[in-house]
């Protein structure tokens, strides 16, 4: 089955971000530098949707369906190799994503990339300094300031952004909670440790009876040592989630000045399962 001219995959092959990246590189006659979502996927970032096109830096290649061509020329020390394929380094990839894509999309993608590549926000900011004055760099700084390499999924990223944009203090991510004997009870998605308030996102796997049983026992143990746990699911509208969090904080004596207003046409929060280009 032809993916591009002279580039084939076995019939019935399901597209993935990595497959699209490899096909785009072969289409470039092996001279292009894979970038953006393609580089992120090759560096191990998860959750990049199979419909996302390939991104490649190549001055001689024309754009076609399924391939986005950037005319950028990354510096030699901003590229690396995986096998024969040349691609932008994790830090350069993060900067490109922050410069070229909407904030929500970019933060989720960079979260996943940073986690996979064991990259810190400071690493990305150092790379960002090399691109001062370039188009999109001011927005990139704002985007990168929202990145958290501890995020485990796009849904956790969306929940964290909801909390931050509401004007609430940024919670600690992947926070360990111990019992009175110093034994680990569990790690919660988000926590305001000083208030003993945790926020847990519960995905599809939480419907498994054994997972539900363990979750109940774990949360009961947290409650026993004084924690208040706010549980969030994919079916919860953003306004409901935020109200639960505000009520939890109020119960601890904190009155928050919330700047967030919910648009009428977005009454249901979209908790994304994958990272998409737009």
C-alpha atoms as a PDB file:
ATOM      1  CA  UNK A   1       0.000   0.000   0.000  1.00  0.00           C
ATOM      2  CA  UNK A   2       1.473   3.366  -1.060  1.00  0.00           C
ATOM      3  CA  UNK A   3       1.840   6.049   1.607  1.00  0.00           C
ATOM      4  CA  UNK A   4       3.765   8.443  -0.644  1.00  0.00           C
ATOM      5  CA  UNK A   5       5.361   8.100  -4.053  1.00  0.00           C
ATOM      6  CA  UNK A   6       7.811   5.197  -3.845  1.00  0.00           C
ATOM      7  CA  UNK A   7       7.034   4.705  -0.132  1.00  0.00           C
ATOM      8  CA  UNK A   8       4.998   1.627   0.778  1.00  0.00           C
ATOM      9  CA  UNK A   9       3.745  -0.233   3.848  1.00  0.00           C
ATOM     10  CA  UNK A  10       2.087  -3.663   4.049  1.00  0.00           C
ATOM     11  CA  UNK A  11      -1.605  -3.571   3.183  1.00  0.00           C
ATOM     12  CA  UNK A  12      -3.762  -3.179   6.276  1.00  0.00           C
ATOM     13  CA  UNK A  13      -1.069  -1.332   8.276  1.00  0.00           C
ATOM     14  CA  UNK A  14      -2.676   1.049  10.738  1.00  0.00           C
ATOM     15  CA  UNK A  15      -1.207   4.549  10.684  1.00  0.00           C
ATOM     16  CA  UNK A  16       0.669   5.825  13.722  1.00  0.00           C
ATOM     17  CA  UNK A  17       2.647   8.995  14.312  1.00  0.00           C
ATOM     18  CA  UNK A  18       5.879   6.990  14.057  1.00  0.00           C
ATOM     19  CA  UNK A  19       4.843   5.278  10.814  1.00  0.00           C
ATOM     20  CA  UNK A  20       3.930   8.648   9.273  1.00  0.00           C
ATOM     21  CA  UNK A  21       7.276  10.087  10.411  1.00  0.00           C
ATOM     22  CA  UNK A  22       9.320   7.285   8.850  1.00  0.00           C
ATOM     23  CA  UNK A  23       7.343   7.507   5.607  1.00  0.00           C
ATOM     24  CA  UNK A  24       7.853  11.275   5.413  1.00  0.00           C
ATOM     25  CA  UNK A  25      11.583  10.872   5.973  1.00  0.00           C
ATOM     26  CA  UNK A  26      11.821   8.296   3.167  1.00  0.00           C
ATOM     27  CA  UNK A  27       9.759  10.612   0.926  1.00  0.00           C
ATOM     28  CA  UNK A  28      12.367  13.352   1.541  1.00  0.00           C
ATOM     29  CA  UNK A  29      14.965  10.997   0.016  1.00  0.00           C
ATOM     30  CA  UNK A  30      16.399  10.546   3.523  1.00  0.00           C
ATOM     31  CA  UNK A  31      17.653  14.140   3.740  1.00  0.00           C
ATOM     32  CA  UNK A  32      14.933  15.815   5.831  1.00  0.00           C
ATOM     33  CA  UNK A  33      14.998  16.486   9.573  1.00  0.00           C
ATOM     34  CA  UNK A  34      11.911  15.179  11.344  1.00  0.00           C
ATOM     35  CA  UNK A  35      10.456  17.732  13.728  1.00  0.00           C
ATOM     36  CA  UNK A  36       7.377  18.691  15.753  1.00  0.00           C
ATOM     37  CA  UNK A  37       5.008  15.852  16.575  1.00  0.00           C
ATOM     38  CA  UNK A  38       7.040  13.422  14.467  1.00  0.00           C
ATOM     39  CA  UNK A  39      10.227  14.049  16.427  1.00  0.00           C
ATOM     40  CA  UNK A  40       8.285  13.937  19.705  1.00  0.00           C
ATOM     41  CA  UNK A  41       6.827  10.533  18.843  1.00  0.00           C
ATOM     42  CA  UNK A  42      10.235   9.157  17.866  1.00  0.00           C
ATOM     43  CA  UNK A  43      11.674  10.419  21.159  1.00  0.00           C
ATOM     44  CA  UNK A  44       9.042   8.344  22.944  1.00  0.00           C
ATOM     45  CA  UNK A  45       6.199  10.806  23.592  1.00  0.00           C
ATOM     46  CA  UNK A  46       2.915   8.926  24.018  1.00  0.00           C
ATOM     47  CA  UNK A  47      -0.667   9.797  23.078  1.00  0.00           C
ATOM     48  CA  UNK A  48       0.083  11.469  19.728  1.00  0.00           C
ATOM     49  CA  UNK A  49      -2.949  10.646  17.602  1.00  0.00           C
ATOM     50  CA  UNK A  50      -2.559   8.538  14.445  1.00  0.00           C
ATOM     51  CA  UNK A  51      -4.253  11.229  12.335  1.00  0.00           C
ATOM     52  CA  UNK A  52      -1.561  13.822  13.147  1.00  0.00           C
ATOM     53  CA  UNK A  53       0.451  14.541   9.973  1.00  0.00           C
ATOM     54  CA  UNK A  54       4.206  14.096   9.759  1.00  0.00           C
ATOM     55  CA  UNK A  55       6.362  17.185  10.320  1.00  0.00           C
ATOM     56  CA  UNK A  56       9.698  17.559   8.594  1.00  0.00           C
ATOM     57  CA  UNK A  57      12.257  20.305   7.982  1.00  0.00           C
ATOM     58  CA  UNK A  58      13.304  20.178   4.334  1.00  0.00           C
ATOM     59  CA  UNK A  59      13.967  23.104   2.003  1.00  0.00           C
ATOM     60  CA  UNK A  60      13.517  20.956  -1.095  1.00  0.00           C
ATOM     61  CA  UNK A  61      10.389  18.981  -0.249  1.00  0.00           C
ATOM     62  CA  UNK A  62       6.855  20.080  -1.094  1.00  0.00           C
ATOM     63  CA  UNK A  63       3.942  19.711   1.262  1.00  0.00           C
ATOM     64  CA  UNK A  64       1.413  17.025   0.459  1.00  0.00           C
ATOM     65  CA  UNK A  65      -1.455  15.340   2.218  1.00  0.00           C
ATOM     66  CA  UNK A  66      -0.253  13.891   5.506  1.00  0.00           C
ATOM     67  CA  UNK A  67       3.051  15.817   5.512  1.00  0.00           C
ATOM     68  CA  UNK A  68       3.748  19.317   6.818  1.00  0.00           C
ATOM     69  CA  UNK A  69       7.015  20.779   5.564  1.00  0.00           C
ATOM     70  CA  UNK A  70       8.834  23.450   7.569  1.00  0.00           C
ATOM     71  CA  UNK A  71      11.559  25.511   5.912  1.00  0.00           C
ATOM     72  CA  UNK A  72      13.490  25.780   9.186  1.00  0.00           C
ATOM     73  CA  UNK A  73      17.100  24.623   9.243  1.00  0.00           C
ATOM     74  CA  UNK A  74      17.942  23.312  12.728  1.00  0.00           C
ATOM     75  CA  UNK A  75      21.527  23.799  13.865  1.00  0.00           C
ATOM     76  CA  UNK A  76      23.724  20.708  13.915  1.00  0.00           C
ATOM     77  CA  UNK A  77      23.659  20.553  17.717  1.00  0.00           C
ATOM     78  CA  UNK A  78      19.844  20.754  17.605  1.00  0.00           C
ATOM     79  CA  UNK A  79      19.575  17.443  15.776  1.00  0.00           C
ATOM     80  CA  UNK A  80      20.091  13.815  16.711  1.00  0.00           C
ATOM     81  CA  UNK A  81      19.726  10.443  15.033  1.00  0.00           C
ATOM     82  CA  UNK A  82      17.556   7.427  15.604  1.00  0.00           C
ATOM     83  CA  UNK A  83      18.937   4.800  13.300  1.00  0.00           C
ATOM     84  CA  UNK A  84      19.460   6.562   9.982  1.00  0.00           C
ATOM     85  CA  UNK A  85      16.762   9.172  10.595  1.00  0.00           C
ATOM     86  CA  UNK A  86      17.733  12.713  11.493  1.00  0.00           C
ATOM     87  CA  UNK A  87      15.398  14.549  13.862  1.00  0.00           C
ATOM     88  CA  UNK A  88      15.375  17.550  16.152  1.00  0.00           C
ATOM     89  CA  UNK A  89      16.590  17.027  19.722  1.00  0.00           C
ATOM     90  CA  UNK A  90      13.972  16.832  22.490  1.00  0.00           C
ATOM     91  CA  UNK A  91      14.633  20.413  23.648  1.00  0.00           C
ATOM     92  CA  UNK A  92      14.485  21.861  20.097  1.00  0.00           C
ATOM     93  CA  UNK A  93      11.341  19.814  19.446  1.00  0.00           C
ATOM     94  CA  UNK A  94       9.731  21.287  22.565  1.00  0.00           C
ATOM     95  CA  UNK A  95      10.552  24.840  21.462  1.00  0.00           C
ATOM     96  CA  UNK A  96       9.084  24.210  17.997  1.00  0.00           C
ATOM     97  CA  UNK A  97       5.888  22.799  19.480  1.00  0.00           C
ATOM     98  CA  UNK A  98       5.590  25.781  21.834  1.00  0.00           C
ATOM     99  CA  UNK A  99       6.163  28.292  19.008  1.00  0.00           C
ATOM    100  CA  UNK A 100       3.953  26.791  16.349  1.00  0.00           C
ATOM    101  CA  UNK A 101       0.882  25.278  18.030  1.00  0.00           C
ATOM    102  CA  UNK A 102      -2.001  26.431  20.248  1.00  0.00           C
ATOM    103  CA  UNK A 103      -1.206  26.443  23.947  1.00  0.00           C
ATOM    104  CA  UNK A 104      -3.409  23.509  25.011  1.00  0.00           C
ATOM    105  CA  UNK A 105      -2.051  21.273  22.245  1.00  0.00           C
ATOM    106  CA  UNK A 106       1.556  22.314  22.791  1.00  0.00           C
ATOM    107  CA  UNK A 107       1.524  21.890  26.580  1.00  0.00           C
ATOM    108  CA  UNK A 108       0.083  18.362  26.340  1.00  0.00           C
ATOM    109  CA  UNK A 109       2.628  17.367  23.695  1.00  0.00           C
ATOM    110  CA  UNK A 110       5.584  18.862  25.562  1.00  0.00           C
ATOM    111  CA  UNK A 111       4.437  17.258  28.824  1.00  0.00           C
ATOM    112  CA  UNK A 112       4.514  13.860  27.103  1.00  0.00           C
ATOM    113  CA  UNK A 113       7.846  14.580  25.394  1.00  0.00           C
ATOM    114  CA  UNK A 114       9.518  15.860  28.566  1.00  0.00           C
ATOM    115  CA  UNK A 115       8.381  12.809  30.509  1.00  0.00           C
ATOM    116  CA  UNK A 116       9.644  10.406  27.833  1.00  0.00           C
ATOM    117  CA  UNK A 117      12.972  12.187  27.318  1.00  0.00           C
ATOM    118  CA  UNK A 118      13.495  12.916  31.038  1.00  0.00           C
ATOM    119  CA  UNK A 119      13.754  16.583  30.192  1.00  0.00           C
ATOM    120  CA  UNK A 120      13.199  19.439  32.628  1.00  0.00           C
ATOM    121  CA  UNK A 121      11.518  22.779  32.037  1.00  0.00           C
ATOM    122  CA  UNK A 122      14.929  24.383  32.605  1.00  0.00           C
ATOM    123  CA  UNK A 123      16.343  22.315  29.716  1.00  0.00           C
ATOM    124  CA  UNK A 124      13.652  23.683  27.408  1.00  0.00           C
ATOM    125  CA  UNK A 125      14.119  27.265  28.612  1.00  0.00           C
ATOM    126  CA  UNK A 126      17.862  27.068  27.845  1.00  0.00           C
ATOM    127  CA  UNK A 127      17.020  25.997  24.298  1.00  0.00           C
ATOM    128  CA  UNK A 128      14.413  28.744  24.070  1.00  0.00           C
ATOM    129  CA  UNK A 129      17.045  31.404  24.784  1.00  0.00           C
ATOM    130  CA  UNK A 130      18.771  30.459  21.522  1.00  0.00           C
ATOM    131  CA  UNK A 131      15.714  31.522  19.545  1.00  0.00           C
ATOM    132  CA  UNK A 132      15.147  35.009  20.877  1.00  0.00           C
ATOM    133  CA  UNK A 133      13.401  37.309  18.426  1.00  0.00           C
ATOM    134  CA  UNK A 134      11.931  34.517  16.327  1.00  0.00           C
ATOM    135  CA  UNK A 135       8.263  34.430  15.477  1.00  0.00           C
ATOM    136  CA  UNK A 136       6.120  32.937  18.232  1.00  0.00           C
ATOM    137  CA  UNK A 137       8.828  33.065  20.893  1.00  0.00           C
ATOM    138  CA  UNK A 138       6.837  35.193  23.353  1.00  0.00           C
ATOM    139  CA  UNK A 139       3.926  32.765  23.221  1.00  0.00           C
ATOM    140  CA  UNK A 140       6.408  29.906  23.527  1.00  0.00           C
ATOM    141  CA  UNK A 141       7.668  31.286  26.846  1.00  0.00           C
ATOM    142  CA  UNK A 142       4.132  31.366  28.233  1.00  0.00           C
ATOM    143  CA  UNK A 143       3.480  27.839  26.992  1.00  0.00           C
ATOM    144  CA  UNK A 144       6.674  26.383  28.400  1.00  0.00           C
ATOM    145  CA  UNK A 145       5.951  27.968  31.791  1.00  0.00           C
ATOM    146  CA  UNK A 146       2.872  25.698  31.953  1.00  0.00           C
ATOM    147  CA  UNK A 147       4.754  22.459  31.187  1.00  0.00           C
ATOM    148  CA  UNK A 148       4.995  19.705  33.795  1.00  0.00           C
ATOM    149  CA  UNK A 149       7.096  16.617  32.931  1.00  0.00           C
ATOM    150  CA  UNK A 150       5.298  14.660  35.668  1.00  0.00           C
ATOM    151  CA  UNK A 151       1.985  14.652  33.741  1.00  0.00           C
ATOM    152  CA  UNK A 152       0.996  11.095  32.845  1.00  0.00           C
ATOM    153  CA  UNK A 153      -1.656  11.786  30.185  1.00  0.00           C
ATOM    154  CA  UNK A 154      -3.310  14.553  28.112  1.00  0.00           C
ATOM    155  CA  UNK A 155      -6.267  14.377  30.492  1.00  0.00           C
ATOM    156  CA  UNK A 156      -4.052  15.171  33.462  1.00  0.00           C
ATOM    157  CA  UNK A 157      -2.583  18.065  31.493  1.00  0.00           C
ATOM    158  CA  UNK A 158      -6.067  19.422  30.714  1.00  0.00           C
ATOM    159  CA  UNK A 159      -7.078  19.153  34.369  1.00  0.00           C
ATOM    160  CA  UNK A 160      -3.924  20.932  35.519  1.00  0.00           C
ATOM    161  CA  UNK A 161      -4.482  23.756  33.013  1.00  0.00           C
ATOM    162  CA  UNK A 162      -8.078  24.130  34.198  1.00  0.00           C
ATOM    163  CA  UNK A 163      -6.856  24.560  37.771  1.00  0.00           C
ATOM    164  CA  UNK A 164      -4.123  27.046  36.873  1.00  0.00           C
ATOM    165  CA  UNK A 165      -6.296  29.141  34.556  1.00  0.00           C
ATOM    166  CA  UNK A 166      -8.903  29.426  37.276  1.00  0.00           C
ATOM    167  CA  UNK A 167      -6.342  31.381  39.231  1.00  0.00           C
ATOM    168  CA  UNK A 168      -5.768  28.697  41.848  1.00  0.00           C
ATOM    169  CA  UNK A 169      -2.283  27.988  43.224  1.00  0.00           C
ATOM    170  CA  UNK A 170      -0.491  25.392  41.123  1.00  0.00           C
ATOM    171  CA  UNK A 171      -0.780  22.004  42.859  1.00  0.00           C
ATOM    172  CA  UNK A 172       2.044  19.503  43.223  1.00  0.00           C
ATOM    173  CA  UNK A 173       1.896  16.763  40.586  1.00  0.00           C
ATOM    174  CA  UNK A 174       2.264  13.037  41.346  1.00  0.00           C
ATOM    175  CA  UNK A 175       2.406  13.712  45.073  1.00  0.00           C
ATOM    176  CA  UNK A 176       3.166  10.779  47.431  1.00  0.00           C
ATOM    177  CA  UNK A 177       0.969  10.394  50.516  1.00  0.00           C
ATOM    178  CA  UNK A 178       2.221   8.413  53.508  1.00  0.00           C
ATOM    179  CA  UNK A 179       0.304   7.052  56.483  1.00  0.00           C
ATOM    180  CA  UNK A 180       1.107   7.910  60.088  1.00  0.00           C
ATOM    181  CA  UNK A 181       3.942   5.347  60.081  1.00  0.00           C
ATOM    182  CA  UNK A 182       5.640   6.834  57.011  1.00  0.00           C
ATOM    183  CA  UNK A 183       4.455   4.009  54.738  1.00  0.00           C
ATOM    184  CA  UNK A 184       3.371   5.059  51.236  1.00  0.00           C
ATOM    185  CA  UNK A 185      -0.397   4.871  50.746  1.00  0.00           C
ATOM    186  CA  UNK A 186      -0.373   6.055  47.156  1.00  0.00           C
ATOM    187  CA  UNK A 187       0.582   8.788  44.700  1.00  0.00           C
ATOM    188  CA  UNK A 188      -2.145  11.288  43.774  1.00  0.00           C
ATOM    189  CA  UNK A 189      -2.351  13.215  40.506  1.00  0.00           C
ATOM    190  CA  UNK A 190      -2.411  16.643  42.170  1.00  0.00           C
ATOM    191  CA  UNK A 191      -2.152  17.895  45.727  1.00  0.00           C
ATOM    192  CA  UNK A 192      -2.093  21.011  47.822  1.00  0.00           C
ATOM    193  CA  UNK A 193      -0.022  19.357  50.517  1.00  0.00           C
ATOM    194  CA  UNK A 194      -0.374  22.239  52.981  1.00  0.00           C
ATOM    195  CA  UNK A 195      -4.186  21.864  52.902  1.00  0.00           C
ATOM    196  CA  UNK A 196      -4.136  18.066  52.619  1.00  0.00           C
ATOM    197  CA  UNK A 197      -6.322  18.241  49.494  1.00  0.00           C
ATOM    198  CA  UNK A 198      -5.758  15.807  46.618  1.00  0.00           C
ATOM    199  CA  UNK A 199      -7.294  15.723  43.129  1.00  0.00           C
ATOM    200  CA  UNK A 200      -7.477  12.393  41.303  1.00  0.00           C
ATOM    201  CA  UNK A 201      -8.398  11.878  37.643  1.00  0.00           C
ATOM    202  CA  UNK A 202     -10.043   8.496  37.134  1.00  0.00           C
ATOM    203  CA  UNK A 203      -9.796   7.101  33.620  1.00  0.00           C
ATOM    204  CA  UNK A 204     -11.428   4.139  31.921  1.00  0.00           C
ATOM    205  CA  UNK A 205      -9.228   1.617  33.734  1.00  0.00           C
ATOM    206  CA  UNK A 206     -10.889   2.663  36.985  1.00  0.00           C
ATOM    207  CA  UNK A 207     -14.004   0.704  35.949  1.00  0.00           C
ATOM    208  CA  UNK A 208     -12.201  -2.597  36.456  1.00  0.00           C
ATOM    209  CA  UNK A 209     -13.620  -4.176  39.673  1.00  0.00           C
ATOM    210  CA  UNK A 210     -10.193  -4.934  41.114  1.00  0.00           C
ATOM    211  CA  UNK A 211      -8.952  -1.407  40.345  1.00  0.00           C
ATOM    212  CA  UNK A 212     -12.105   0.035  41.943  1.00  0.00           C
ATOM    213  CA  UNK A 213     -11.531  -2.088  45.064  1.00  0.00           C
ATOM    214  CA  UNK A 214      -7.924  -0.930  45.384  1.00  0.00           C
ATOM    215  CA  UNK A 215      -8.923   2.695  44.763  1.00  0.00           C
ATOM    216  CA  UNK A 216     -11.543   2.595  47.502  1.00  0.00           C
ATOM    217  CA  UNK A 217      -9.065   1.148  49.995  1.00  0.00           C
ATOM    218  CA  UNK A 218      -6.377   3.636  48.991  1.00  0.00           C
ATOM    219  CA  UNK A 219      -8.640   6.685  49.253  1.00  0.00           C
ATOM    220  CA  UNK A 220     -10.105   5.519  52.565  1.00  0.00           C
ATOM    221  CA  UNK A 221      -6.557   5.251  53.919  1.00  0.00           C
ATOM    222  CA  UNK A 222      -5.848   8.813  52.754  1.00  0.00           C
ATOM    223  CA  UNK A 223      -9.020  10.083  54.420  1.00  0.00           C
ATOM    224  CA  UNK A 224      -8.036   8.332  57.646  1.00  0.00           C
ATOM    225  CA  UNK A 225      -4.831  10.387  57.812  1.00  0.00           C
ATOM    226  CA  UNK A 226      -6.683  13.636  57.201  1.00  0.00           C
ATOM    227  CA  UNK A 227      -6.675  14.057  53.401  1.00  0.00           C
ATOM    228  CA  UNK A 228      -9.650  15.298  51.400  1.00  0.00           C
ATOM    229  CA  UNK A 229      -9.766  13.674  47.937  1.00  0.00           C
ATOM    230  CA  UNK A 230     -11.575  15.264  44.961  1.00  0.00           C
ATOM    231  CA  UNK A 231     -12.278  12.646  42.289  1.00  0.00           C
ATOM    232  CA  UNK A 232     -12.680  13.633  38.619  1.00  0.00           C
ATOM    233  CA  UNK A 233     -13.929  11.549  35.667  1.00  0.00           C
ATOM    234  CA  UNK A 234     -14.122  12.108  31.918  1.00  0.00           C
ATOM    235  CA  UNK A 235     -17.874  12.728  32.198  1.00  0.00           C
ATOM    236  CA  UNK A 236     -17.505  15.686  34.555  1.00  0.00           C
ATOM    237  CA  UNK A 237     -17.982  19.161  33.021  1.00  0.00           C
ATOM    238  CA  UNK A 238     -15.195  21.587  33.832  1.00  0.00           C
ATOM    239  CA  UNK A 239     -17.506  23.812  35.857  1.00  0.00           C
ATOM    240  CA  UNK A 240     -18.490  20.903  38.093  1.00  0.00           C
ATOM    241  CA  UNK A 241     -14.848  19.927  38.591  1.00  0.00           C
ATOM    242  CA  UNK A 242     -13.831  23.444  39.505  1.00  0.00           C
ATOM    243  CA  UNK A 243     -16.738  23.831  41.929  1.00  0.00           C
ATOM    244  CA  UNK A 244     -15.733  20.600  43.725  1.00  0.00           C
ATOM    245  CA  UNK A 245     -12.175  21.852  44.072  1.00  0.00           C
ATOM    246  CA  UNK A 246     -13.288  25.282  45.331  1.00  0.00           C
ATOM    247  CA  UNK A 247     -15.632  23.662  47.852  1.00  0.00           C
ATOM    248  CA  UNK A 248     -12.812  21.418  49.075  1.00  0.00           C
ATOM    249  CA  UNK A 249     -10.490  24.378  49.523  1.00  0.00           C
ATOM    250  CA  UNK A 250     -13.244  26.388  51.250  1.00  0.00           C
ATOM    251  CA  UNK A 251     -13.748  23.518  53.700  1.00  0.00           C
ATOM    252  CA  UNK A 252     -10.110  24.028  54.696  1.00  0.00           C
ATOM    253  CA  UNK A 253     -10.752  27.721  55.308  1.00  0.00           C
ATOM    254  CA  UNK A 254      -9.394  29.034  51.986  1.00  0.00           C
ATOM    255  CA  UNK A 255     -11.506  31.510  50.001  1.00  0.00           C
ATOM    256  CA  UNK A 256     -10.177  31.744  46.449  1.00  0.00           C
ATOM    257  CA  UNK A 257     -10.586  34.745  44.166  1.00  0.00           C
ATOM    258  CA  UNK A 258     -11.344  32.828  40.973  1.00  0.00           C
ATOM    259  CA  UNK A 259     -10.801  34.710  37.727  1.00  0.00           C
ATOM    260  CA  UNK A 260     -12.054  31.900  35.486  1.00  0.00           C
ATOM    261  CA  UNK A 261     -15.340  32.214  33.593  1.00  0.00           C
ATOM    262  CA  UNK A 262     -16.833  29.320  31.646  1.00  0.00           C
ATOM    263  CA  UNK A 263     -17.798  30.082  28.008  1.00  0.00           C
ATOM    264  CA  UNK A 264     -21.409  29.239  27.227  1.00  0.00           C
ATOM    265  CA  UNK A 265     -20.459  27.220  24.132  1.00  0.00           C
ATOM    266  CA  UNK A 266     -18.080  24.997  26.126  1.00  0.00           C
ATOM    267  CA  UNK A 267     -20.436  23.723  28.808  1.00  0.00           C
ATOM    268  CA  UNK A 268     -18.744  20.338  28.684  1.00  0.00           C
ATOM    269  CA  UNK A 269     -15.023  20.078  29.242  1.00  0.00           C
ATOM    270  CA  UNK A 270     -13.156  18.120  26.594  1.00  0.00           C
ATOM    271  CA  UNK A 271     -10.852  15.689  28.393  1.00  0.00           C
ATOM    272  CA  UNK A 272      -8.624  14.612  25.461  1.00  0.00           C
ATOM    273  CA  UNK A 273      -7.375  11.044  25.228  1.00  0.00           C
ATOM    274  CA  UNK A 274      -4.857  11.910  22.491  1.00  0.00           C
ATOM    275  CA  UNK A 275      -2.745  14.840  21.363  1.00  0.00           C
ATOM    276  CA  UNK A 276      -3.974  16.310  18.100  1.00  0.00           C
ATOM    277  CA  UNK A 277      -2.453  18.995  15.928  1.00  0.00           C
ATOM    278  CA  UNK A 278      -5.412  21.371  16.309  1.00  0.00           C
END
